[in-house]
PDB file of all heavy atoms in Angstrom:
ATOM      1  N   LYS A   1     -10.789   2.113  13.989  1.00  0.00           N
ATOM      2  CA  LYS A   1     -11.505   0.998  13.382  1.00  0.00           C
ATOM      3  C   LYS A   1     -11.604   1.182  11.932  1.00  0.00           C
ATOM      4  O   LYS A   1     -11.576   0.114  11.212  1.00  0.00           O
ATOM      5  CB  LYS A   1     -12.861   0.877  13.984  1.00  0.00           C
ATOM      6  CG  LYS A   1     -12.803   0.341  15.439  1.00  0.00           C
ATOM      7  CD  LYS A   1     -14.225   0.066  16.010  1.00  0.00           C
ATOM      8  CE  LYS A   1     -14.094  -0.451  17.535  1.00  0.00           C
ATOM      9  NZ  LYS A   1     -15.399  -0.755  18.075  1.00  0.00           N
ATOM     10  N   ALA A   2     -11.554   2.380  11.383  1.00  0.00           N
ATOM     11  CA  ALA A   2     -11.658   2.561   9.984  1.00  0.00           C
ATOM     12  C   ALA A   2     -10.376   2.135   9.319  1.00  0.00           C
ATOM     13  O   ALA A   2     -10.336   1.529   8.194  1.00  0.00           O
ATOM     14  CB  ALA A   2     -11.955   4.060   9.609  1.00  0.00           C
ATOM     15  N   ILE A   3      -9.167   2.212  10.096  1.00  0.00           N
ATOM     16  CA  ILE A   3      -7.991   1.759   9.478  1.00  0.00           C
ATOM     17  C   ILE A   3      -7.849   0.310   9.458  1.00  0.00           C
ATOM     18  O   ILE A   3      -7.555  -0.350   8.480  1.00  0.00           O
ATOM     19  CB  ILE A   3      -6.774   2.290  10.411  1.00  0.00           C
ATOM     20  CG1 ILE A   3      -6.859   3.887  10.392  1.00  0.00           C
ATOM     21  CG2 ILE A   3      -5.464   1.817   9.935  1.00  0.00           C
ATOM     22  CD1 ILE A   3      -5.980   4.525  11.472  1.00  0.00           C
ATOM     23  N   SER A   4      -8.212  -0.364  10.650  1.00  0.00           N
ATOM     24  CA  SER A   4      -8.046  -1.830  10.697  1.00  0.00           C
ATOM     25  C   SER A   4      -9.225  -2.547   9.751  1.00  0.00           C
ATOM     26  O   SER A   4      -9.073  -3.657   9.307  1.00  0.00           O
ATOM     27  CB  SER A   4      -8.339  -2.337  12.141  1.00  0.00           C
ATOM     28  OG  SER A   4      -9.582  -1.936  12.663  1.00  0.00           O
ATOM     29  N   GLY A   5     -10.289  -1.817   9.528  1.00  0.00           N
ATOM     30  CA  GLY A   5     -11.282  -2.387   8.612  1.00  0.00           C
ATOM     31  C   GLY A   5     -11.124  -2.108   7.197  1.00  0.00           C
ATOM     32  O   GLY A   5     -11.951  -2.429   6.293  1.00  0.00           O
ATOM     33  N   SER A   6      -9.963  -1.484   6.845  1.00  0.00           N
ATOM     34  CA  SER A   6      -9.792  -1.101   5.420  1.00  0.00           C
ATOM     35  C   SER A   6      -9.392  -2.299   4.573  1.00  0.00           C
ATOM     36  O   SER A   6      -9.498  -2.367   3.327  1.00  0.00           O
ATOM     37  CB  SER A   6      -8.585  -0.140   5.417  1.00  0.00           C
ATOM     38  OG  SER A   6      -7.402  -0.719   5.718  1.00  0.00           O
ATOM     39  N   GLY A   7      -9.020  -3.487   5.184  1.00  0.00           N
ATOM     40  CA  GLY A   7      -8.718  -4.643   4.419  1.00  0.00           C
ATOM     41  C   GLY A   7      -7.290  -4.727   3.931  1.00  0.00           C
ATOM     42  O   GLY A   7      -6.903  -5.626   3.220  1.00  0.00           O
ATOM     43  N   HIS A   8      -6.458  -3.667   4.284  1.00  0.00           N
ATOM     44  CA  HIS A   8      -4.969  -3.569   3.810  1.00  0.00           C
ATOM     45  C   HIS A   8      -4.161  -3.767   4.962  1.00  0.00           C
ATOM     46  O   HIS A   8      -4.459  -3.292   6.147  1.00  0.00           O
ATOM     47  CB  HIS A   8      -4.765  -2.294   3.141  1.00  0.00           C
ATOM     48  CG  HIS A   8      -5.339  -2.273   1.677  1.00  0.00           C
ATOM     49  ND1 HIS A   8      -6.630  -1.987   1.430  1.00  0.00           N
ATOM     50  CD2 HIS A   8      -4.752  -2.438   0.500  1.00  0.00           C
ATOM     51  CE1 HIS A   8      -6.891  -2.033   0.194  1.00  0.00           C
ATOM     52  NE2 HIS A   8      -5.713  -2.407  -0.483  1.00  0.00           N
ATOM     53  N   THR A   9      -2.978  -4.166   4.813  1.00  0.00           N
ATOM     54  CA  THR A   9      -1.893  -4.156   5.749  1.00  0.00           C
ATOM     55  C   THR A   9      -0.546  -3.544   5.151  1.00  0.00           C
ATOM     56  O   THR A   9      -0.294  -3.824   3.838  1.00  0.00           O
ATOM     57  CB  THR A   9      -1.529  -5.586   6.193  1.00  0.00           C
ATOM     58  OG1 THR A   9      -2.706  -6.227   6.703  1.00  0.00           O
ATOM     59  CG2 THR A   9      -0.551  -5.600   7.366  1.00  0.00           C
ATOM     60  N   ALA A  10       0.051  -2.717   5.952  1.00  0.00           N
ATOM     61  CA  ALA A  10       1.369  -2.162   5.451  1.00  0.00           C
ATOM     62  C   ALA A  10       2.349  -2.393   6.539  1.00  0.00           C
ATOM     63  O   ALA A  10       2.159  -2.418   7.784  1.00  0.00           O
ATOM     64  CB  ALA A  10       1.202  -0.630   5.266  1.00  0.00           C
ATOM     65  N   VAL A  11       3.621  -2.643   6.032  1.00  0.00           N
ATOM     66  CA  VAL A  11       4.750  -2.925   6.839  1.00  0.00           C
ATOM     67  C   VAL A  11       5.935  -2.009   6.431  1.00  0.00           C
ATOM     68  O   VAL A  11       6.102  -1.746   5.248  1.00  0.00           O
ATOM     69  CB  VAL A  11       5.248  -4.416   6.776  1.00  0.00           C
ATOM     70  CG1 VAL A  11       6.515  -4.684   7.382  1.00  0.00           C
ATOM     71  CG2 VAL A  11       4.160  -5.271   7.245  1.00  0.00           C
ATOM     72  N   SER A  12       6.736  -1.607   7.401  1.00  0.00           N
ATOM     73  CA  SER A  12       7.865  -0.750   7.191  1.00  0.00           C
ATOM     74  C   SER A  12       9.006  -1.254   8.025  1.00  0.00           C
ATOM     75  O   SER A  12       8.823  -1.602   9.230  1.00  0.00           O
ATOM     76  CB  SER A  12       7.567   0.763   7.428  1.00  0.00           C
ATOM     77  OG  SER A  12       8.755   1.552   7.240  1.00  0.00           O
ATOM     78  N   VAL A  13      10.211  -1.214   7.410  1.00  0.00           N
ATOM     79  CA  VAL A  13      11.459  -1.635   8.027  1.00  0.00           C
ATOM     80  C   VAL A  13      12.566  -0.617   7.749  1.00  0.00           C
ATOM     81  O   VAL A  13      12.687  -0.179   6.719  1.00  0.00           O
ATOM     82  CB  VAL A  13      11.896  -3.126   7.711  1.00  0.00           C
ATOM     83  CG1 VAL A  13      13.156  -3.552   8.419  1.00  0.00           C
ATOM     84  CG2 VAL A  13      10.714  -4.081   7.883  1.00  0.00           C
ATOM     85  N   ARG A  14      13.380  -0.450   8.827  1.00  0.00           N
ATOM     86  CA  ARG A  14      14.461   0.480   8.666  1.00  0.00           C
ATOM     87  C   ARG A  14      15.846  -0.111   8.992  1.00  0.00           C
ATOM     88  O   ARG A  14      15.855  -0.891   9.972  1.00  0.00           O
ATOM     89  CB  ARG A  14      14.319   1.716   9.639  1.00  0.00           C
ATOM     90  CG  ARG A  14      15.422   2.759   9.681  1.00  0.00           C
ATOM     91  CD  ARG A  14      14.973   4.059  10.432  1.00  0.00           C
ATOM     92  NE  ARG A  14      14.668   3.745  11.774  1.00  0.00           N
ATOM     93  CZ  ARG A  14      15.418   4.352  12.745  1.00  0.00           C
ATOM     94  NH1 ARG A  14      16.433   5.078  12.574  1.00  0.00           N
ATOM     95  NH2 ARG A  14      15.032   4.143  14.020  1.00  0.00           N
ATOM     96  N   GLY A  15      16.846   0.066   8.213  1.00  0.00           N
ATOM     97  CA  GLY A  15      18.084  -0.505   8.372  1.00  0.00           C
ATOM     98  C   GLY A  15      19.271   0.440   8.494  1.00  0.00           C
ATOM     99  O   GLY A  15      19.008   1.656   8.674  1.00  0.00           O
ATOM    100  N   HIS A  16      20.470   0.019   8.103  1.00  0.00           N
ATOM    101  CA  HIS A  16      21.709   0.861   8.200  1.00  0.00           C
ATOM    102  C   HIS A  16      21.561   2.012   7.244  1.00  0.00           C
ATOM    103  O   HIS A  16      21.930   3.194   7.612  1.00  0.00           O
ATOM    104  CB  HIS A  16      22.892   0.034   8.012  1.00  0.00           C
ATOM    105  CG  HIS A  16      24.106   0.856   7.773  1.00  0.00           C
ATOM    106  ND1 HIS A  16      24.616   1.692   8.786  1.00  0.00           N
ATOM    107  CD2 HIS A  16      24.944   1.030   6.656  1.00  0.00           C
ATOM    108  CE1 HIS A  16      25.765   2.256   8.349  1.00  0.00           C
ATOM    109  NE2 HIS A  16      25.914   1.912   7.057  1.00  0.00           N
ATOM    110  N   ASP A  17      21.166   1.753   5.968  1.00  0.00           N
ATOM    111  CA  ASP A  17      21.207   2.752   4.921  1.00  0.00           C
ATOM    112  C   ASP A  17      19.889   2.787   4.098  1.00  0.00           C
ATOM    113  O   ASP A  17      19.826   3.472   3.182  1.00  0.00           O
ATOM    114  CB  ASP A  17      22.390   2.537   3.978  1.00  0.00           C
ATOM    115  CG  ASP A  17      22.472   1.195   3.444  1.00  0.00           C
ATOM    116  OD1 ASP A  17      21.525   0.450   3.497  1.00  0.00           O
ATOM    117  OD2 ASP A  17      23.570   0.726   3.167  1.00  0.00           O
ATOM    118  N   THR A  18      18.854   1.993   4.556  1.00  0.00           N
ATOM    119  CA  THR A  18      17.686   1.865   3.843  1.00  0.00           C
ATOM    120  C   THR A  18      16.416   1.875   4.722  1.00  0.00           C
ATOM    121  O   THR A  18      16.435   1.334   5.759  1.00  0.00           O
ATOM    122  CB  THR A  18      17.681   0.562   3.035  1.00  0.00           C
ATOM    123  OG1 THR A  18      18.887   0.535   2.222  1.00  0.00           O
ATOM    124  CG2 THR A  18      16.498   0.353   2.106  1.00  0.00           C
ATOM    125  N   SER A  19      15.369   2.480   4.291  1.00  0.00           N
ATOM    126  CA  SER A  19      13.962   2.431   4.815  1.00  0.00           C
ATOM    127  C   SER A  19      13.154   1.899   3.701  1.00  0.00           C
ATOM    128  O   SER A  19      13.169   2.405   2.555  1.00  0.00           O
ATOM    129  CB  SER A  19      13.516   3.750   5.357  1.00  0.00           C
ATOM    130  OG  SER A  19      14.100   3.985   6.623  1.00  0.00           O
ATOM    131  N   VAL A  20      12.234   0.996   4.047  1.00  0.00           N
ATOM    132  CA  VAL A  20      11.296   0.457   2.989  1.00  0.00           C
ATOM    133  C   VAL A  20       9.985   0.282   3.530  1.00  0.00           C
ATOM    134  O   VAL A  20       9.771   0.138   4.759  1.00  0.00           O
ATOM    135  CB  VAL A  20      11.884  -0.843   2.523  1.00  0.00           C
ATOM    136  CG1 VAL A  20      11.762  -2.057   3.643  1.00  0.00           C
ATOM    137  CG2 VAL A  20      11.139  -1.305   1.247  1.00  0.00           C
ATOM    138  N   VAL A  21       8.951   0.464   2.657  1.00  0.00           N
ATOM    139  CA  VAL A  21       7.486   0.213   3.015  1.00  0.00           C
ATOM    140  C   VAL A  21       6.873  -0.666   2.029  1.00  0.00           C
ATOM    141  O   VAL A  21       7.335  -0.678   0.822  1.00  0.00           O
ATOM    142  CB  VAL A  21       6.630   1.549   3.111  1.00  0.00           C
ATOM    143  CG1 VAL A  21       6.977   2.425   4.260  1.00  0.00           C
ATOM    144  CG2 VAL A  21       6.892   2.333   1.784  1.00  0.00           C
ATOM    145  N   ILE A  22       6.005  -1.605   2.494  1.00  0.00           N
ATOM    146  CA  ILE A  22       5.434  -2.500   1.698  1.00  0.00           C
ATOM    147  C   ILE A  22       3.975  -2.689   1.969  1.00  0.00           C
ATOM    148  O   ILE A  22       3.575  -2.594   3.160  1.00  0.00           O
ATOM    149  CB  ILE A  22       6.091  -3.924   1.765  1.00  0.00           C
ATOM    150  CG1 ILE A  22       5.462  -4.976   0.785  1.00  0.00           C
ATOM    151  CG2 ILE A  22       6.198  -4.426   3.112  1.00  0.00           C
ATOM    152  CD1 ILE A  22       6.296  -6.326   0.752  1.00  0.00           C
ATOM    153  N   THR A  23       3.164  -2.678   0.973  1.00  0.00           N
ATOM    154  CA  THR A  23       1.701  -2.875   1.249  1.00  0.00           C
ATOM    155  C   THR A  23       0.994  -3.681   0.159  1.00  0.00           C
ATOM    156  O   THR A  23       1.594  -3.876  -0.914  1.00  0.00           O
ATOM    157  CB  THR A  23       1.012  -1.449   1.373  1.00  0.00           C
ATOM    158  OG1 THR A  23      -0.419  -1.643   1.670  1.00  0.00           O
ATOM    159  CG2 THR A  23       1.034  -0.708  -0.053  1.00  0.00           C
ATOM    160  N   GLN A  24      -0.230  -4.173   0.421  1.00  0.00           N
ATOM    161  CA  GLN A  24      -0.991  -4.900  -0.566  1.00  0.00           C
ATOM    162  C   GLN A  24      -1.550  -3.907  -1.657  1.00  0.00           C
ATOM    163  O   GLN A  24      -1.809  -2.883  -1.428  1.00  0.00           O
ATOM    164  CB  GLN A  24      -2.054  -5.619   0.066  1.00  0.00           C
ATOM    165  CG  GLN A  24      -1.659  -6.676   1.131  1.00  0.00           C
ATOM    166  CD  GLN A  24      -2.918  -7.020   2.077  1.00  0.00           C
ATOM    167  OE1 GLN A  24      -3.205  -6.215   2.943  1.00  0.00           O
ATOM    168  NE2 GLN A  24      -3.544  -8.137   1.821  1.00  0.00           N
ATOM    169  N   LYS A  25      -1.653  -4.492  -2.760  1.00  0.00           N
ATOM    170  CA  LYS A  25      -2.295  -3.840  -3.933  1.00  0.00           C
ATOM    171  C   LYS A  25      -3.413  -4.591  -4.392  1.00  0.00           C
ATOM    172  O   LYS A  25      -3.267  -5.631  -5.062  1.00  0.00           O
ATOM    173  CB  LYS A  25      -1.317  -3.653  -5.088  1.00  0.00           C
ATOM    174  CG  LYS A  25      -1.823  -2.721  -6.127  1.00  0.00           C
ATOM    175  CD  LYS A  25      -0.776  -2.380  -7.264  1.00  0.00           C
ATOM    176  CE  LYS A  25      -1.260  -1.452  -8.338  1.00  0.00           C
ATOM    177  NZ  LYS A  25      -0.340  -0.879  -9.213  1.00  0.00           N
ATOM    178  N   LYS A  26      -4.605  -4.141  -4.086  1.00  0.00           N
ATOM    179  CA  LYS A  26      -5.901  -4.820  -4.269  1.00  0.00           C
ATOM    180  C   LYS A  26      -6.603  -4.156  -5.409  1.00  0.00           C
ATOM    181  O   LYS A  26      -6.882  -2.854  -5.221  1.00  0.00           O
ATOM    182  CB  LYS A  26      -6.727  -5.048  -3.074  1.00  0.00           C
ATOM    183  CG  LYS A  26      -6.081  -6.018  -2.023  1.00  0.00           C
ATOM    184  CD  LYS A  26      -7.131  -6.111  -0.847  1.00  0.00           C
ATOM    185  CE  LYS A  26      -6.404  -6.986   0.258  1.00  0.00           C
ATOM    186  NZ  LYS A  26      -7.291  -7.199   1.435  1.00  0.00           N
ATOM    187  N   ILE A  27      -6.956  -4.803  -6.475  1.00  0.00           N
ATOM    188  CA  ILE A  27      -7.731  -4.269  -7.597  1.00  0.00           C
ATOM    189  C   ILE A  27      -9.210  -4.668  -7.389  1.00  0.00           C
ATOM    190  O   ILE A  27      -9.482  -5.873  -7.776  1.00  0.00           O
ATOM    191  CB  ILE A  27      -7.180  -4.526  -8.881  1.00  0.00           C
ATOM    192  CG1 ILE A  27      -5.688  -4.243  -8.862  1.00  0.00           C
ATOM    193  CG2 ILE A  27      -7.875  -3.652  -9.992  1.00  0.00           C
ATOM    194  CD1 ILE A  27      -5.299  -2.805  -8.647  1.00  0.00           C
ATOM    195  N   PRO A  28     -10.137  -3.945  -6.983  1.00  0.00           N
ATOM    196  CA  PRO A  28     -11.440  -4.391  -6.578  1.00  0.00           C
ATOM    197  C   PRO A  28     -12.368  -4.720  -7.801  1.00  0.00           C
ATOM    198  O   PRO A  28     -13.335  -5.440  -7.784  1.00  0.00           O
ATOM    199  CB  PRO A  28     -12.084  -3.358  -5.734  1.00  0.00           C
ATOM    200  CG  PRO A  28     -11.379  -2.163  -6.132  1.00  0.00           C
ATOM    201  CD  PRO A  28     -10.000  -2.542  -6.418  1.00  0.00           C
ATOM    202  N   ASP A  29     -12.002  -4.117  -8.912  1.00  0.00           N
ATOM    203  CA  ASP A  29     -12.788  -4.350 -10.168  1.00  0.00           C
ATOM    204  C   ASP A  29     -11.809  -4.619 -11.313  1.00  0.00           C
ATOM    205  O   ASP A  29     -10.900  -3.867 -11.521  1.00  0.00           O
ATOM    206  CB  ASP A  29     -13.601  -3.045 -10.444  1.00  0.00           C
ATOM    207  CG  ASP A  29     -14.705  -3.359 -11.421  1.00  0.00           C
ATOM    208  OD1 ASP A  29     -14.387  -4.054 -12.532  1.00  0.00           O
ATOM    209  OD2 ASP A  29     -15.852  -2.788 -11.312  1.00  0.00           O
ATOM    210  N   LYS A  30     -12.175  -5.560 -12.173  1.00  0.00           N
ATOM    211  CA  LYS A  30     -11.251  -5.897 -13.324  1.00  0.00           C
ATOM    212  C   LYS A  30     -11.293  -4.788 -14.301  1.00  0.00           C
ATOM    213  O   LYS A  30     -10.346  -4.725 -15.136  1.00  0.00           O
ATOM    214  CB  LYS A  30     -11.784  -7.221 -14.054  1.00  0.00           C
ATOM    215  CG  LYS A  30     -11.585  -8.410 -13.099  1.00  0.00           C
ATOM    216  CD  LYS A  30     -12.031  -9.700 -13.769  1.00  0.00           C
ATOM    217  CE  LYS A  30     -11.795 -10.982 -12.891  1.00  0.00           C
ATOM    218  NZ  LYS A  30     -12.266 -12.182 -13.519  1.00  0.00           N
ATOM    219  N   LEU A  31     -12.276  -3.891 -14.384  1.00  0.00           N
ATOM    220  CA  LEU A  31     -12.307  -2.870 -15.352  1.00  0.00           C
ATOM    221  C   LEU A  31     -11.459  -1.615 -14.917  1.00  0.00           C
ATOM    222  O   LEU A  31     -11.244  -0.658 -15.670  1.00  0.00           O
ATOM    223  CB  LEU A  31     -13.751  -2.450 -15.533  1.00  0.00           C
ATOM    224  CG  LEU A  31     -14.649  -3.425 -16.280  1.00  0.00           C
ATOM    225  CD1 LEU A  31     -16.036  -2.906 -16.440  1.00  0.00           C
ATOM    226  CD2 LEU A  31     -13.998  -3.825 -17.625  1.00  0.00           C
ATOM    227  N   LEU A  32     -10.931  -1.675 -13.656  1.00  0.00           N
ATOM    228  CA  LEU A  32     -10.103  -0.579 -13.191  1.00  0.00           C
ATOM    229  C   LEU A  32      -8.728  -0.569 -13.865  1.00  0.00           C
ATOM    230  O   LEU A  32      -8.247  -1.707 -14.072  1.00  0.00           O
ATOM    231  CB  LEU A  32      -9.918  -0.735 -11.617  1.00  0.00           C
ATOM    232  CG  LEU A  32     -11.016  -0.106 -10.788  1.00  0.00           C
ATOM    233  CD1 LEU A  32     -10.683  -0.433  -9.443  1.00  0.00           C
ATOM    234  CD2 LEU A  32     -11.332   1.323 -11.036  1.00  0.00           C
ATOM    235  N   ASP A  33      -8.205   0.563 -14.080  1.00  0.00           N
ATOM    236  CA  ASP A  33      -6.795   0.708 -14.517  1.00  0.00           C
ATOM    237  C   ASP A  33      -5.919   0.577 -13.278  1.00  0.00           C
ATOM    238  O   ASP A  33      -5.811   1.448 -12.441  1.00  0.00           O
ATOM    239  CB  ASP A  33      -6.544   2.133 -15.138  1.00  0.00           C
ATOM    240  CG  ASP A  33      -5.248   2.273 -15.658  1.00  0.00           C
ATOM    241  OD1 ASP A  33      -4.312   1.340 -15.418  1.00  0.00           O
ATOM    242  OD2 ASP A  33      -4.914   3.321 -16.223  1.00  0.00           O
ATOM    243  N   ALA A  34      -5.238  -0.674 -13.293  1.00  0.00           N
ATOM    244  CA  ALA A  34      -4.418  -0.841 -12.062  1.00  0.00           C
ATOM    245  C   ALA A  34      -3.204   0.071 -11.745  1.00  0.00           C
ATOM    246  O   ALA A  34      -2.927   0.255 -10.607  1.00  0.00           O
ATOM    247  CB  ALA A  34      -3.796  -2.330 -12.243  1.00  0.00           C
ATOM    248  N   SER A  35      -2.769   0.712 -12.838  1.00  0.00           N
ATOM    249  CA  SER A  35      -1.741   1.711 -12.639  1.00  0.00           C
ATOM    250  C   SER A  35      -2.157   2.948 -11.899  1.00  0.00           C
ATOM    251  O   SER A  35      -1.333   3.772 -11.416  1.00  0.00           O
ATOM    252  CB  SER A  35      -1.193   2.188 -14.054  1.00  0.00           C
ATOM    253  OG  SER A  35      -2.166   2.889 -14.738  1.00  0.00           O
ATOM    254  N   THR A  36      -3.518   3.191 -11.733  1.00  0.00           N
ATOM    255  CA  THR A  36      -4.106   4.336 -11.005  1.00  0.00           C
ATOM    256  C   THR A  36      -4.346   4.018  -9.563  1.00  0.00           C
ATOM    257  O   THR A  36      -4.704   4.863  -8.809  1.00  0.00           O
ATOM    258  CB  THR A  36      -5.278   4.801 -11.688  1.00  0.00           C
ATOM    259  OG1 THR A  36      -6.335   3.947 -11.571  1.00  0.00           O
ATOM    260  CG2 THR A  36      -5.018   5.289 -13.058  1.00  0.00           C
ATOM    261  N   VAL A  37      -4.150   2.816  -9.131  1.00  0.00           N
ATOM    262  CA  VAL A  37      -4.528   2.303  -7.728  1.00  0.00           C
ATOM    263  C   VAL A  37      -3.181   2.143  -7.009  1.00  0.00           C
ATOM    264  O   VAL A  37      -2.254   1.460  -7.398  1.00  0.00           O
ATOM    265  CB  VAL A  37      -5.205   1.051  -7.729  1.00  0.00           C
ATOM    266  CG1 VAL A  37      -5.466   0.495  -6.340  1.00  0.00           C
ATOM    267  CG2 VAL A  37      -6.441   1.128  -8.520  1.00  0.00           C
ATOM    268  N   THR A  38      -2.998   2.972  -5.964  1.00  0.00           N
ATOM    269  CA  THR A  38      -1.819   2.836  -5.125  1.00  0.00           C
ATOM    270  C   THR A  38      -2.125   3.444  -3.721  1.00  0.00           C
ATOM    271  O   THR A  38      -2.938   4.158  -3.546  1.00  0.00           O
ATOM    272  CB  THR A  38      -0.585   3.756  -5.849  1.00  0.00           C
ATOM    273  OG1 THR A  38       0.609   3.621  -4.942  1.00  0.00           O
ATOM    274  CG2 THR A  38      -0.967   5.196  -5.807  1.00  0.00           C
ATOM    275  N   HIS A  39      -1.185   2.962  -2.815  1.00  0.00           N
ATOM    276  CA  HIS A  39      -1.300   3.472  -1.428  1.00  0.00           C
ATOM    277  C   HIS A  39       0.081   4.063  -1.054  1.00  0.00           C
ATOM    278  O   HIS A  39       0.302   4.527   0.075  1.00  0.00           O
ATOM    279  CB  HIS A  39      -1.553   2.304  -0.436  1.00  0.00           C
ATOM    280  CG  HIS A  39      -2.878   1.738  -0.571  1.00  0.00           C
ATOM    281  ND1 HIS A  39      -4.041   2.221   0.070  1.00  0.00           N
ATOM    282  CD2 HIS A  39      -3.453   0.742  -1.270  1.00  0.00           C
ATOM    283  CE1 HIS A  39      -5.135   1.715  -0.232  1.00  0.00           C
ATOM    284  NE2 HIS A  39      -4.783   0.668  -1.085  1.00  0.00           N
ATOM    285  N   LEU A  40       1.017   4.150  -2.090  1.00  0.00           N
ATOM    286  CA  LEU A  40       2.308   4.771  -1.862  1.00  0.00           C
ATOM    287  C   LEU A  40       2.324   6.103  -2.437  1.00  0.00           C
ATOM    288  O   LEU A  40       1.910   6.309  -3.676  1.00  0.00           O
ATOM    289  CB  LEU A  40       3.397   3.916  -2.433  1.00  0.00           C
ATOM    290  CG  LEU A  40       3.546   2.487  -1.891  1.00  0.00           C
ATOM    291  CD1 LEU A  40       4.569   1.765  -2.574  1.00  0.00           C
ATOM    292  CD2 LEU A  40       3.722   2.451  -0.385  1.00  0.00           C
ATOM    293  N   TYR A  41       2.833   7.216  -1.779  1.00  0.00           N
ATOM    294  CA  TYR A  41       2.821   8.576  -2.264  1.00  0.00           C
ATOM    295  C   TYR A  41       4.118   9.201  -1.961  1.00  0.00           C
ATOM    296  O   TYR A  41       4.766   8.956  -0.853  1.00  0.00           O
ATOM    297  CB  TYR A  41       1.722   9.385  -1.581  1.00  0.00           C
ATOM    298  CG  TYR A  41       0.351   8.796  -1.778  1.00  0.00           C
ATOM    299  CD1 TYR A  41      -0.247   7.859  -0.843  1.00  0.00           C
ATOM    300  CD2 TYR A  41      -0.478   9.245  -2.830  1.00  0.00           C
ATOM    301  CE1 TYR A  41      -1.536   7.350  -1.048  1.00  0.00           C
ATOM    302  CE2 TYR A  41      -1.748   8.619  -3.073  1.00  0.00           C
ATOM    303  CZ  TYR A  41      -2.218   7.821  -2.142  1.00  0.00           C
ATOM    304  OH  TYR A  41      -3.501   7.327  -2.317  1.00  0.00           O
ATOM    305  N   SER A  42       4.637  10.053  -2.908  1.00  0.00           N
ATOM    306  CA  SER A  42       5.793  10.874  -2.702  1.00  0.00           C
ATOM    307  C   SER A  42       5.406  12.254  -2.119  1.00  0.00           C
ATOM    308  O   SER A  42       4.440  12.774  -2.588  1.00  0.00           O
ATOM    309  CB  SER A  42       6.409  11.068  -4.147  1.00  0.00           C
ATOM    310  OG  SER A  42       7.508  11.938  -4.007  1.00  0.00           O
ATOM    311  N   ILE A  43       6.172  12.662  -1.141  1.00  0.00           N
ATOM    312  CA  ILE A  43       5.976  13.830  -0.517  1.00  0.00           C
ATOM    313  C   ILE A  43       7.035  14.929  -0.885  1.00  0.00           C
ATOM    314  O   ILE A  43       6.727  16.021  -1.367  1.00  0.00           O
ATOM    315  CB  ILE A  43       5.861  13.757   1.037  1.00  0.00           C
ATOM    316  CG1 ILE A  43       4.695  12.923   1.403  1.00  0.00           C
ATOM    317  CG2 ILE A  43       5.755  15.141   1.668  1.00  0.00           C
ATOM    318  CD1 ILE A  43       4.584  12.522   2.827  1.00  0.00           C
TER     319      ILE A  43
END
């Protein structure tokens, strides 16, 4: 329920030579630095 209540949705699709993920980018406060807000991470 914590996942579904987060207010975000993510989608992923895989093809012949490509995998992609897409998610919303919500900035809750105008004073936030938008470049520091992300849900995508490199492993």
